[in-house]
Amino acid sequence: MATEEFTDTSGNDESAELSVQAAAAVAYYQVAPGYQVNVRRGPSSASQLIKVLPQGSSVPIRCQTRGETVSGPCGTTDIWDSIAPGQYVSDAYVKTGSSEFVAVRCSG
């Protein structure tokens, strides 16, 4: 099997390219219509409130983790969606079309 050698002469860092590819793989989902959604520091309603997303928002789901069980317009679930580092919303308020994980599990 032949292999190709690649030399990057563009001056771009390979890790930057991987970051761009990873960002492109992040899917966006709408929050439940008519709801403002709390963004928390961790996967619990007891975690620090960071901000409130306005009605009609879409969020990127970077990864998902289990946390406090929450009931909302999209069901009852213990899945929390990481929308940015250290920022979580309950999947009970995000229209993913699934009651299961739709993204990779958050590490650590």
Protein backbone atom coordinates (compact mmCIF):
# COMPACT_ATOMS: atom_id res chain seq x y z
CA MET A 1 0.00 0.00 0.00
CA ALA A 2 1.40 3.37 -0.98
CA THR A 3 1.69 6.18 1.53
CA GLU A 4 1.88 9.85 0.80
CA GLU A 5 4.16 12.22 2.60
CA PHE A 6 2.62 15.56 3.48
CA THR A 7 4.61 18.66 4.26
CA ASP A 8 2.68 21.65 5.52
CA THR A 9 4.21 24.72 3.94
CA SER A 10 1.27 26.99 4.69
CA GLY A 11 2.50 27.89 8.16
CA ASN A 12 -0.70 26.54 9.71
CA ASP A 13 -0.49 24.45 12.84
CA GLU A 14 -1.90 20.92 12.47
CA SER A 15 -3.67 21.18 15.83
CA ALA A 16 -5.48 24.30 14.60
CA GLU A 17 -6.74 22.29 11.63
CA LEU A 18 -7.97 19.54 13.94
CA SER A 19 -9.76 22.14 16.07
CA VAL A 20 -11.50 23.48 12.98
CA GLN A 21 -12.57 19.96 12.02
CA ALA A 22 -13.86 19.28 15.53
CA ALA A 23 -15.79 22.56 15.56
CA ALA A 24 -17.37 21.67 12.24
CA ALA A 25 -18.58 18.38 13.76
CA VAL A 26 -20.52 20.12 16.56
CA ALA A 27 -24.27 20.04 15.87
CA TYR A 28 -26.63 22.86 16.83
CA TYR A 29 -30.07 22.22 18.34
CA GLN A 30 -32.98 24.55 19.14
CA VAL A 31 -34.13 25.06 22.69
CA ALA A 32 -37.79 24.28 23.38
CA PRO A 33 -40.03 26.95 21.83
CA GLY A 34 -41.29 29.55 24.28
CA TYR A 35 -38.62 28.85 26.91
CA GLN A 36 -35.66 30.77 28.23
CA VAL A 37 -33.00 28.27 29.27
CA ASN A 38 -30.62 28.53 32.22
CA VAL A 39 -26.95 27.85 31.52
CA ARG A 40 -25.19 26.38 34.56
CA ARG A 41 -21.56 25.84 35.57
CA GLY A 42 -22.22 22.09 36.04
CA PRO A 43 -24.89 19.45 35.28
CA SER A 44 -27.22 20.41 38.13
CA SER A 45 -29.83 23.08 38.84
CA ALA A 46 -27.86 23.79 42.04
CA SER A 47 -24.78 24.76 40.00
CA GLN A 48 -23.94 28.41 39.51
CA LEU A 49 -26.19 30.20 36.99
CA ILE A 50 -23.96 31.65 34.25
CA LYS A 51 -26.53 33.15 31.91
CA VAL A 52 -30.03 32.71 30.51
CA LEU A 53 -30.52 31.90 26.84
CA PRO A 54 -33.35 33.85 25.19
CA GLN A 55 -36.36 32.19 23.56
CA GLY A 56 -35.60 30.90 20.07
CA SER A 57 -31.94 30.15 20.81
CA SER A 58 -29.96 27.33 19.22
CA VAL A 59 -27.11 25.71 21.12
CA PRO A 60 -24.06 23.73 20.05
CA ILE A 61 -23.78 20.41 21.85
CA ARG A 62 -20.04 19.78 22.28
CA CYS A 63 -20.56 16.75 24.52
CA GLN A 64 -23.09 15.33 26.98
CA THR A 65 -22.93 13.98 30.53
CA ARG A 66 -25.26 12.61 33.17
CA GLY A 67 -26.32 14.83 36.07
CA GLU A 68 -29.44 15.85 37.94
CA THR A 69 -32.73 14.53 36.55
CA VAL A 70 -34.86 17.36 35.17
CA SER A 71 -38.37 17.41 33.68
CA GLY A 72 -39.05 19.88 30.89
CA PRO A 73 -40.88 20.32 27.60
CA CYS A 74 -38.61 17.78 25.85
CA GLY A 75 -39.06 15.07 28.50
CA THR A 76 -37.54 13.94 31.77
CA THR A 77 -33.83 13.20 31.62
CA ASP A 78 -30.56 13.20 33.52
CA ILE A 79 -28.61 14.15 30.37
CA TRP A 80 -26.96 17.57 30.35
CA ASP A 81 -25.54 19.23 27.25
CA SER A 82 -22.20 21.03 27.33
CA ILE A 83 -22.56 24.08 25.08
CA ALA A 84 -19.14 25.56 25.91
CA PRO A 85 -16.40 24.73 28.43
CA GLY A 86 -18.00 24.86 31.89
CA GLN A 87 -21.47 25.66 30.50
CA TYR A 88 -24.33 23.14 30.72
CA VAL A 89 -28.03 23.10 29.90
CA SER A 90 -30.47 20.32 30.73
CA ASP A 91 -31.34 18.22 27.69
CA ALA A 92 -34.97 18.42 28.92
CA TYR A 93 -35.03 21.90 27.32
CA VAL A 94 -33.19 21.09 24.07
CA LYS A 95 -34.90 19.62 21.00
CA THR A 96 -32.46 16.85 20.04
CA GLY A 97 -35.14 14.47 18.77
CA SER A 98 -33.84 11.74 21.08
CA SER A 99 -34.05 10.69 24.71
CA GLU A 100 -30.55 9.22 24.41
CA PHE A 101 -27.10 10.73 23.89
CA VAL A 102 -26.72 12.53 20.53
CA ALA A 103 -23.11 13.63 21.10
CA VAL A 104 -19.94 12.20 22.60
CA ARG A 105 -19.73 11.88 26.37
CA CYS A 106 -17.89 14.66 28.15
CA SER A 107 -14.57 13.55 29.58
CA GLY A 108 -13.45 14.18 33.14
